[in-house]
Amino acid sequence: MTGEAYLWIKALHVIAVISWMAGLLYLPRLFVYHCEVKPGSETSEKFKIMERRLLKAIMTPAMVVAWAAGLTLAVSGGLFQDGWFHVKLLLVILMTGAHHMMGKWKNDFAADRNTKSQKFFRVANEGPTLLMIVIVILVIVKPF
C-alpha cells in the first residue's frame, strides 16, 4: 500500500472511531433520559426513534468502517506482531461487545420491557470511556 493510501485509510479509521465513540457515549445517556418517561408515551416513542436511528444509521456503520479500516491498517503495517496491538484488539472487541449490549438495551426499550435503572445506564456509560482512554494510550505510547 502506498504511503498516501495508508494515510487516507488512517484518516477514515479516525473519523469512523470518533463517530462510533460519539454514539457509544450518547446512547446510554439517551437511555438515562428514557428511563424517566412513561412507557408508551409520546416522549418514549420519540426516544425509541432517536435510539434506533443513532444505533442503525451512525453507530453500526461507523463500527463496521472502524473495524475494516483498522484491520487494513494493521495488516499493511504488520501490527499483529506488536504486543500493544494485541491488547488494543482485545479492548476493541470489548468495545464491540458494549455496542451489541446497547443494541439489546435499545430493543428492550423498543418493546417497553426495560427493567434497568438510570443509575445502571450512568455506570454503563463509563465502560466505553475507560476502554477508549486505554486504547488511545496504547496507540500513541505503544508501551510494549
N, C-alpha and C. Protein backbone atom coordinates (compact mmCIF):
# COMPACT_ATOMS: atom_id res chain seq x y z
N MET A 1 0.86 -1.17 0.00
CA MET A 1 0.00 0.00 0.00
C MET A 1 0.90 1.23 0.00
N THR A 2 0.55 2.21 -0.81
CA THR A 2 1.34 3.43 -0.88
C THR A 2 1.16 4.25 0.40
N GLY A 3 2.10 5.13 0.64
CA GLY A 3 2.03 5.99 1.82
C GLY A 3 0.79 6.86 1.83
N GLU A 4 0.40 7.36 0.66
CA GLU A 4 -0.78 8.22 0.58
C GLU A 4 -2.05 7.41 0.85
N ALA A 5 -2.15 6.21 0.32
CA ALA A 5 -3.32 5.37 0.57
C ALA A 5 -3.42 5.03 2.05
N TYR A 6 -2.29 4.72 2.66
CA TYR A 6 -2.26 4.41 4.10
C TYR A 6 -2.81 5.59 4.92
N LEU A 7 -2.40 6.80 4.56
CA LEU A 7 -2.86 7.99 5.28
C LEU A 7 -4.36 8.21 5.10
N TRP A 8 -4.89 7.95 3.90
CA TRP A 8 -6.33 8.10 3.67
C TRP A 8 -7.12 7.07 4.48
N ILE A 9 -6.62 5.86 4.52
CA ILE A 9 -7.30 4.82 5.30
C ILE A 9 -7.21 5.15 6.79
N LYS A 10 -6.08 5.67 7.20
CA LYS A 10 -5.92 6.07 8.60
C LYS A 10 -6.90 7.20 8.96
N ALA A 11 -7.03 8.17 8.07
CA ALA A 11 -8.00 9.26 8.31
C ALA A 11 -9.42 8.71 8.39
N LEU A 12 -9.77 7.80 7.49
CA LEU A 12 -11.09 7.18 7.52
C LEU A 12 -11.31 6.43 8.84
N HIS A 13 -10.28 5.73 9.29
CA HIS A 13 -10.36 5.00 10.56
C HIS A 13 -10.61 5.95 11.73
N VAL A 14 -9.88 7.04 11.79
CA VAL A 14 -10.05 8.01 12.88
C VAL A 14 -11.46 8.62 12.84
N ILE A 15 -11.94 8.98 11.67
CA ILE A 15 -13.29 9.54 11.54
C ILE A 15 -14.33 8.53 12.01
N ALA A 16 -14.18 7.27 11.60
CA ALA A 16 -15.13 6.23 12.00
C ALA A 16 -15.09 5.99 13.50
N VAL A 17 -13.90 5.97 14.08
CA VAL A 17 -13.78 5.75 15.52
C VAL A 17 -14.43 6.91 16.29
N ILE A 18 -14.21 8.13 15.85
CA ILE A 18 -14.83 9.29 16.52
C ILE A 18 -16.35 9.18 16.44
N SER A 19 -16.87 8.82 15.30
CA SER A 19 -18.33 8.69 15.13
C SER A 19 -18.88 7.57 16.00
N TRP A 20 -18.18 6.44 16.02
CA TRP A 20 -18.61 5.30 16.83
C TRP A 20 -18.59 5.66 18.31
N MET A 21 -17.51 6.30 18.75
CA MET A 21 -17.40 6.68 20.16
C MET A 21 -18.48 7.69 20.55
N ALA A 22 -18.78 8.62 19.67
CA ALA A 22 -19.84 9.59 19.97
C ALA A 22 -21.14 8.85 20.29
N GLY A 23 -21.45 7.86 19.49
CA GLY A 23 -22.66 7.07 19.73
C GLY A 23 -22.58 6.24 21.00
N LEU A 24 -21.42 5.62 21.24
CA LEU A 24 -21.26 4.80 22.44
C LEU A 24 -21.37 5.64 23.71
N LEU A 25 -21.03 6.90 23.62
CA LEU A 25 -21.13 7.79 24.78
C LEU A 25 -22.52 8.42 24.90
N TYR A 26 -23.21 8.60 23.78
CA TYR A 26 -24.50 9.28 23.80
C TYR A 26 -25.68 8.33 24.03
N LEU A 27 -25.63 7.13 23.46
CA LEU A 27 -26.77 6.22 23.57
C LEU A 27 -27.12 5.88 25.02
N PRO A 28 -26.15 5.56 25.88
CA PRO A 28 -26.53 5.32 27.28
C PRO A 28 -27.14 6.55 27.95
N ARG A 29 -26.72 7.73 27.54
CA ARG A 29 -27.31 8.96 28.08
C ARG A 29 -28.78 9.06 27.65
N LEU A 30 -29.07 8.69 26.41
CA LEU A 30 -30.47 8.65 25.97
C LEU A 30 -31.26 7.65 26.82
N PHE A 31 -30.64 6.52 27.14
CA PHE A 31 -31.32 5.52 27.97
C PHE A 31 -31.63 6.09 29.36
N VAL A 32 -30.70 6.88 29.92
CA VAL A 32 -30.94 7.51 31.22
C VAL A 32 -32.21 8.36 31.14
N TYR A 33 -32.31 9.18 30.12
CA TYR A 33 -33.48 10.04 29.97
C TYR A 33 -34.74 9.24 29.65
N HIS A 34 -34.57 8.17 28.89
CA HIS A 34 -35.71 7.33 28.51
C HIS A 34 -36.32 6.67 29.75
N CYS A 35 -35.49 6.36 30.74
CA CYS A 35 -35.98 5.76 31.99
C CYS A 35 -36.96 6.68 32.72
N GLU A 36 -36.84 7.98 32.49
CA GLU A 36 -37.65 8.97 33.22
C GLU A 36 -39.07 9.08 32.69
N VAL A 37 -39.35 8.54 31.50
CA VAL A 37 -40.66 8.75 30.90
C VAL A 37 -41.48 7.46 30.94
N LYS A 38 -42.77 7.64 30.86
CA LYS A 38 -43.71 6.51 30.93
C LYS A 38 -43.64 5.71 29.62
N PRO A 39 -43.51 4.38 29.73
CA PRO A 39 -43.53 3.55 28.52
C PRO A 39 -44.81 3.79 27.71
N GLY A 40 -44.65 3.87 26.40
CA GLY A 40 -45.79 4.09 25.52
C GLY A 40 -46.18 5.55 25.34
N SER A 41 -45.58 6.45 26.13
CA SER A 41 -45.89 7.87 26.00
C SER A 41 -45.29 8.42 24.70
N GLU A 42 -45.75 9.60 24.34
CA GLU A 42 -45.23 10.25 23.13
C GLU A 42 -43.71 10.47 23.25
N THR A 43 -43.28 10.88 24.43
CA THR A 43 -41.84 11.11 24.64
C THR A 43 -41.07 9.81 24.53
N SER A 44 -41.61 8.73 25.09
CA SER A 44 -40.96 7.43 24.99
C SER A 44 -40.82 7.01 23.53
N GLU A 45 -41.85 7.23 22.75
CA GLU A 45 -41.80 6.88 21.33
C GLU A 45 -40.75 7.71 20.59
N LYS A 46 -40.61 8.97 20.98
CA LYS A 46 -39.57 9.82 20.37
C LYS A 46 -38.17 9.29 20.71
N PHE A 47 -37.97 8.89 21.99
CA PHE A 47 -36.69 8.31 22.38
C PHE A 47 -36.40 7.04 21.59
N LYS A 48 -37.40 6.21 21.37
CA LYS A 48 -37.21 4.98 20.61
C LYS A 48 -36.69 5.28 19.21
N ILE A 49 -37.26 6.31 18.58
CA ILE A 49 -36.81 6.70 17.24
C ILE A 49 -35.36 7.19 17.29
N MET A 50 -35.05 8.04 18.26
CA MET A 50 -33.69 8.58 18.38
C MET A 50 -32.68 7.46 18.62
N GLU A 51 -33.02 6.53 19.51
CA GLU A 51 -32.11 5.43 19.84
C GLU A 51 -31.88 4.52 18.63
N ARG A 52 -32.98 4.20 17.92
CA ARG A 52 -32.87 3.34 16.74
C ARG A 52 -32.01 3.99 15.66
N ARG A 53 -32.28 5.26 15.39
CA ARG A 53 -31.52 5.96 14.34
C ARG A 53 -30.05 6.10 14.70
N LEU A 54 -29.77 6.41 15.95
CA LEU A 54 -28.38 6.54 16.38
C LEU A 54 -27.63 5.23 16.19
N LEU A 55 -28.25 4.14 16.61
CA LEU A 55 -27.60 2.83 16.52
C LEU A 55 -27.46 2.37 15.07
N LYS A 56 -28.54 2.46 14.32
CA LYS A 56 -28.55 1.89 12.96
C LYS A 56 -27.89 2.79 11.91
N ALA A 57 -28.06 4.09 12.03
CA ALA A 57 -27.58 5.00 10.99
C ALA A 57 -26.19 5.56 11.25
N ILE A 58 -25.77 5.57 12.52
CA ILE A 58 -24.47 6.15 12.84
C ILE A 58 -23.53 5.12 13.46
N MET A 59 -23.94 4.56 14.59
CA MET A 59 -23.02 3.72 15.35
C MET A 59 -22.59 2.45 14.62
N THR A 60 -23.56 1.70 14.10
CA THR A 60 -23.20 0.43 13.46
C THR A 60 -22.38 0.64 12.19
N PRO A 61 -22.77 1.55 11.28
CA PRO A 61 -21.90 1.78 10.13
C PRO A 61 -20.50 2.27 10.53
N ALA A 62 -20.44 3.15 11.53
CA ALA A 62 -19.13 3.64 11.98
C ALA A 62 -18.29 2.51 12.55
N MET A 63 -18.92 1.60 13.32
CA MET A 63 -18.18 0.47 13.87
C MET A 63 -17.62 -0.41 12.74
N VAL A 64 -18.44 -0.68 11.74
CA VAL A 64 -18.00 -1.53 10.62
C VAL A 64 -16.83 -0.88 9.89
N VAL A 65 -16.93 0.41 9.63
CA VAL A 65 -15.84 1.12 8.93
C VAL A 65 -14.59 1.16 9.81
N ALA A 66 -14.76 1.39 11.12
CA ALA A 66 -13.60 1.41 12.03
C ALA A 66 -12.89 0.06 12.02
N TRP A 67 -13.66 -1.02 12.07
CA TRP A 67 -13.06 -2.36 12.03
C TRP A 67 -12.36 -2.61 10.69
N ALA A 68 -13.03 -2.31 9.59
CA ALA A 68 -12.46 -2.58 8.26
C ALA A 68 -11.19 -1.77 8.03
N ALA A 69 -11.25 -0.49 8.31
CA ALA A 69 -10.08 0.36 8.11
C ALA A 69 -8.97 -0.01 9.10
N GLY A 70 -9.34 -0.30 10.34
CA GLY A 70 -8.35 -0.66 11.34
C GLY A 70 -7.62 -1.95 11.00
N LEU A 71 -8.37 -2.96 10.57
CA LEU A 71 -7.72 -4.22 10.19
C LEU A 71 -6.84 -4.05 8.94
N THR A 72 -7.29 -3.21 8.02
CA THR A 72 -6.47 -2.91 6.84
C THR A 72 -5.15 -2.27 7.25
N LEU A 73 -5.23 -1.30 8.15
CA LEU A 73 -4.01 -0.65 8.65
C LEU A 73 -3.12 -1.64 9.40
N ALA A 74 -3.73 -2.50 10.20
CA ALA A 74 -2.96 -3.46 10.99
C ALA A 74 -2.22 -4.45 10.09
N VAL A 75 -2.90 -4.95 9.07
CA VAL A 75 -2.27 -5.90 8.15
C VAL A 75 -1.16 -5.21 7.37
N SER A 76 -1.45 -4.04 6.81
CA SER A 76 -0.44 -3.36 5.99
C SER A 76 0.73 -2.85 6.82
N GLY A 77 0.49 -2.57 8.09
CA GLY A 77 1.57 -2.08 8.96
C GLY A 77 2.27 -3.17 9.76
N GLY A 78 1.85 -4.42 9.58
CA GLY A 78 2.47 -5.53 10.30
C GLY A 78 2.29 -5.44 11.81
N LEU A 79 1.14 -4.94 12.25
CA LEU A 79 0.94 -4.69 13.69
C LEU A 79 0.60 -5.93 14.49
N PHE A 80 0.24 -7.02 13.84
CA PHE A 80 -0.17 -8.22 14.58
C PHE A 80 0.97 -8.85 15.37
N GLN A 81 2.18 -8.40 15.16
CA GLN A 81 3.31 -8.92 15.93
C GLN A 81 3.65 -8.04 17.14
N ASP A 82 2.97 -6.91 17.29
CA ASP A 82 3.25 -5.99 18.40
C ASP A 82 2.34 -6.29 19.60
N GLY A 83 2.95 -6.38 20.78
CA GLY A 83 2.21 -6.68 22.00
C GLY A 83 1.11 -5.68 22.31
N TRP A 84 1.41 -4.40 22.17
CA TRP A 84 0.41 -3.38 22.46
C TRP A 84 -0.81 -3.55 21.57
N PHE A 85 -0.59 -4.00 20.32
CA PHE A 85 -1.71 -4.15 19.39
C PHE A 85 -2.64 -5.28 19.83
N HIS A 86 -2.07 -6.36 20.39
CA HIS A 86 -2.92 -7.46 20.87
C HIS A 86 -3.86 -6.97 21.97
N VAL A 87 -3.34 -6.15 22.87
CA VAL A 87 -4.17 -5.60 23.95
C VAL A 87 -5.22 -4.66 23.36
N LYS A 88 -4.80 -3.82 22.43
CA LYS A 88 -5.75 -2.89 21.78
C LYS A 88 -6.86 -3.67 21.10
N LEU A 89 -6.51 -4.72 20.39
CA LEU A 89 -7.50 -5.53 19.68
C LEU A 89 -8.50 -6.15 20.67
N LEU A 90 -8.00 -6.65 21.78
CA LEU A 90 -8.88 -7.19 22.81
C LEU A 90 -9.85 -6.12 23.33
N LEU A 91 -9.34 -4.92 23.57
CA LEU A 91 -10.19 -3.83 24.07
C LEU A 91 -11.22 -3.40 23.03
N VAL A 92 -10.85 -3.43 21.76
CA VAL A 92 -11.81 -3.09 20.70
C VAL A 92 -12.88 -4.18 20.60
N ILE A 93 -12.51 -5.41 20.84
CA ILE A 93 -13.51 -6.49 20.89
C ILE A 93 -14.48 -6.24 22.06
N LEU A 94 -13.96 -5.83 23.21
CA LEU A 94 -14.82 -5.49 24.34
C LEU A 94 -15.73 -4.31 24.00
N MET A 95 -15.19 -3.32 23.29
CA MET A 95 -15.99 -2.17 22.86
C MET A 95 -17.11 -2.63 21.93
N THR A 96 -16.81 -3.57 21.06
CA THR A 96 -17.82 -4.12 20.16
C THR A 96 -18.89 -4.86 20.97
N GLY A 97 -18.48 -5.55 22.02
CA GLY A 97 -19.44 -6.19 22.91
C GLY A 97 -20.35 -5.18 23.58
N ALA A 98 -19.79 -4.05 24.00
CA ALA A 98 -20.59 -2.98 24.59
C ALA A 98 -21.60 -2.46 23.58
N HIS A 99 -21.16 -2.32 22.34
CA HIS A 99 -22.05 -1.86 21.26
C HIS A 99 -23.25 -2.81 21.15
N HIS A 100 -22.97 -4.11 21.14
CA HIS A 100 -24.05 -5.08 20.99
C HIS A 100 -24.96 -5.12 22.22
N MET A 101 -24.40 -4.91 23.40
CA MET A 101 -25.24 -4.83 24.61
C MET A 101 -26.18 -3.63 24.51
N MET A 102 -25.66 -2.51 24.02
CA MET A 102 -26.51 -1.33 23.86
C MET A 102 -27.62 -1.60 22.86
N GLY A 103 -27.33 -2.40 21.85
CA GLY A 103 -28.37 -2.79 20.90
C GLY A 103 -29.45 -3.61 21.58
N LYS A 104 -29.06 -4.48 22.49
CA LYS A 104 -30.04 -5.26 23.25
C LYS A 104 -30.87 -4.34 24.14
N TRP A 105 -30.22 -3.41 24.81
CA TRP A 105 -30.95 -2.47 25.67
C TRP A 105 -31.91 -1.62 24.84
N LYS A 106 -31.47 -1.21 23.66
CA LYS A 106 -32.34 -0.44 22.77
C LYS A 106 -33.57 -1.26 22.41
N ASN A 107 -33.38 -2.55 22.15
CA ASN A 107 -34.51 -3.42 21.83
C ASN A 107 -35.45 -3.57 23.02
N ASP A 108 -34.89 -3.62 24.23
CA ASP A 108 -35.74 -3.69 25.43
C ASP A 108 -36.61 -2.44 25.55
N PHE A 109 -36.02 -1.28 25.34
CA PHE A 109 -36.81 -0.04 25.37
C PHE A 109 -37.86 -0.05 24.25
N ALA A 110 -37.48 -0.52 23.07
CA ALA A 110 -38.41 -0.52 21.93
C ALA A 110 -39.63 -1.39 22.21
N ALA A 111 -39.43 -2.44 23.00
CA ALA A 111 -40.54 -3.34 23.34
C ALA A 111 -41.19 -2.98 24.67
N ASP A 112 -40.82 -1.82 25.23
CA ASP A 112 -41.34 -1.37 26.54
C ASP A 112 -41.10 -2.41 27.64
N ARG A 113 -39.93 -3.03 27.63
CA ARG A 113 -39.63 -4.01 28.66
C ARG A 113 -38.30 -3.73 29.40
N ASN A 114 -37.87 -2.47 29.38
CA ASN A 114 -36.67 -2.12 30.12
C ASN A 114 -36.91 -2.29 31.61
N THR A 115 -35.96 -2.93 32.30
CA THR A 115 -36.04 -3.10 33.76
C THR A 115 -34.86 -2.44 34.46
N LYS A 116 -33.97 -1.85 33.69
CA LYS A 116 -32.76 -1.25 34.26
C LYS A 116 -33.02 0.19 34.68
N SER A 117 -32.23 0.63 35.65
CA SER A 117 -32.40 1.96 36.23
C SER A 117 -31.54 3.00 35.52
N GLN A 118 -31.83 4.27 35.84
CA GLN A 118 -30.99 5.36 35.36
C GLN A 118 -29.56 5.17 35.84
N LYS A 119 -29.39 4.76 37.07
CA LYS A 119 -28.05 4.58 37.64
C LYS A 119 -27.28 3.51 36.85
N PHE A 120 -27.96 2.44 36.48
CA PHE A 120 -27.32 1.39 35.69
C PHE A 120 -26.75 1.98 34.40
N PHE A 121 -27.56 2.78 33.70
CA PHE A 121 -27.10 3.34 32.43
C PHE A 121 -26.03 4.41 32.62
N ARG A 122 -26.06 5.12 33.74
CA ARG A 122 -24.98 6.08 34.03
C ARG A 122 -23.66 5.34 34.20
N VAL A 123 -23.70 4.22 34.91
CA VAL A 123 -22.48 3.42 35.11
C VAL A 123 -22.05 2.77 33.79
N ALA A 124 -23.02 2.26 33.03
CA ALA A 124 -22.71 1.63 31.74
C ALA A 124 -22.05 2.62 30.79
N ASN A 125 -22.35 3.88 30.95
CA ASN A 125 -21.77 4.93 30.12
C ASN A 125 -20.27 5.06 30.33
N GLU A 126 -19.78 4.62 31.48
CA GLU A 126 -18.36 4.77 31.80
C GLU A 126 -17.48 3.73 31.12
N GLY A 127 -18.04 2.54 30.82
CA GLY A 127 -17.25 1.46 30.22
C GLY A 127 -16.56 1.86 28.93
N PRO A 128 -17.31 2.34 27.94
CA PRO A 128 -16.65 2.75 26.69
C PRO A 128 -15.64 3.88 26.89
N THR A 129 -15.90 4.75 27.85
CA THR A 129 -14.96 5.84 28.13
C THR A 129 -13.62 5.29 28.60
N LEU A 130 -13.67 4.37 29.55
CA LEU A 130 -12.43 3.78 30.07
C LEU A 130 -11.70 2.99 28.99
N LEU A 131 -12.45 2.23 28.20
CA LEU A 131 -11.81 1.48 27.10
C LEU A 131 -11.14 2.43 26.12
N MET A 132 -11.82 3.52 25.78
CA MET A 132 -11.28 4.50 24.85
C MET A 132 -9.97 5.09 25.37
N ILE A 133 -9.93 5.43 26.64
CA ILE A 133 -8.73 6.02 27.23
C ILE A 133 -7.55 5.08 27.09
N VAL A 134 -7.75 3.82 27.46
CA VAL A 134 -6.66 2.84 27.39
C VAL A 134 -6.25 2.60 25.94
N ILE A 135 -7.22 2.51 25.05
CA ILE A 135 -6.90 2.29 23.63
C ILE A 135 -6.06 3.44 23.08
N VAL A 136 -6.44 4.66 23.36
CA VAL A 136 -5.67 5.81 22.86
C VAL A 136 -4.25 5.79 23.42
N ILE A 137 -4.11 5.49 24.70
CA ILE A 137 -2.76 5.41 25.29
C ILE A 137 -1.93 4.33 24.60
N LEU A 138 -2.53 3.17 24.36
CA LEU A 138 -1.81 2.09 23.67
C LEU A 138 -1.36 2.50 22.28
N VAL A 139 -2.25 3.16 21.53
CA VAL A 139 -1.93 3.56 20.17
C VAL A 139 -0.85 4.63 20.11
N ILE A 140 -0.93 5.59 21.01
CA ILE A 140 0.02 6.71 20.96
C ILE A 140 1.35 6.35 21.63
N VAL A 141 1.29 5.75 22.81
CA VAL A 141 2.51 5.48 23.59
C VAL A 141 3.19 4.18 23.16
N LYS A 142 2.39 3.19 22.75
CA LYS A 142 2.91 1.86 22.39
C LYS A 142 3.87 1.36 23.49
N PRO A 143 3.34 1.16 24.71
CA PRO A 143 4.20 0.89 25.86
C PRO A 143 4.94 -0.46 25.82
N PHE A 144 4.54 -1.37 24.98
CA PHE A 144 5.25 -2.66 24.90
C PHE A 144 5.03 -3.29 23.53
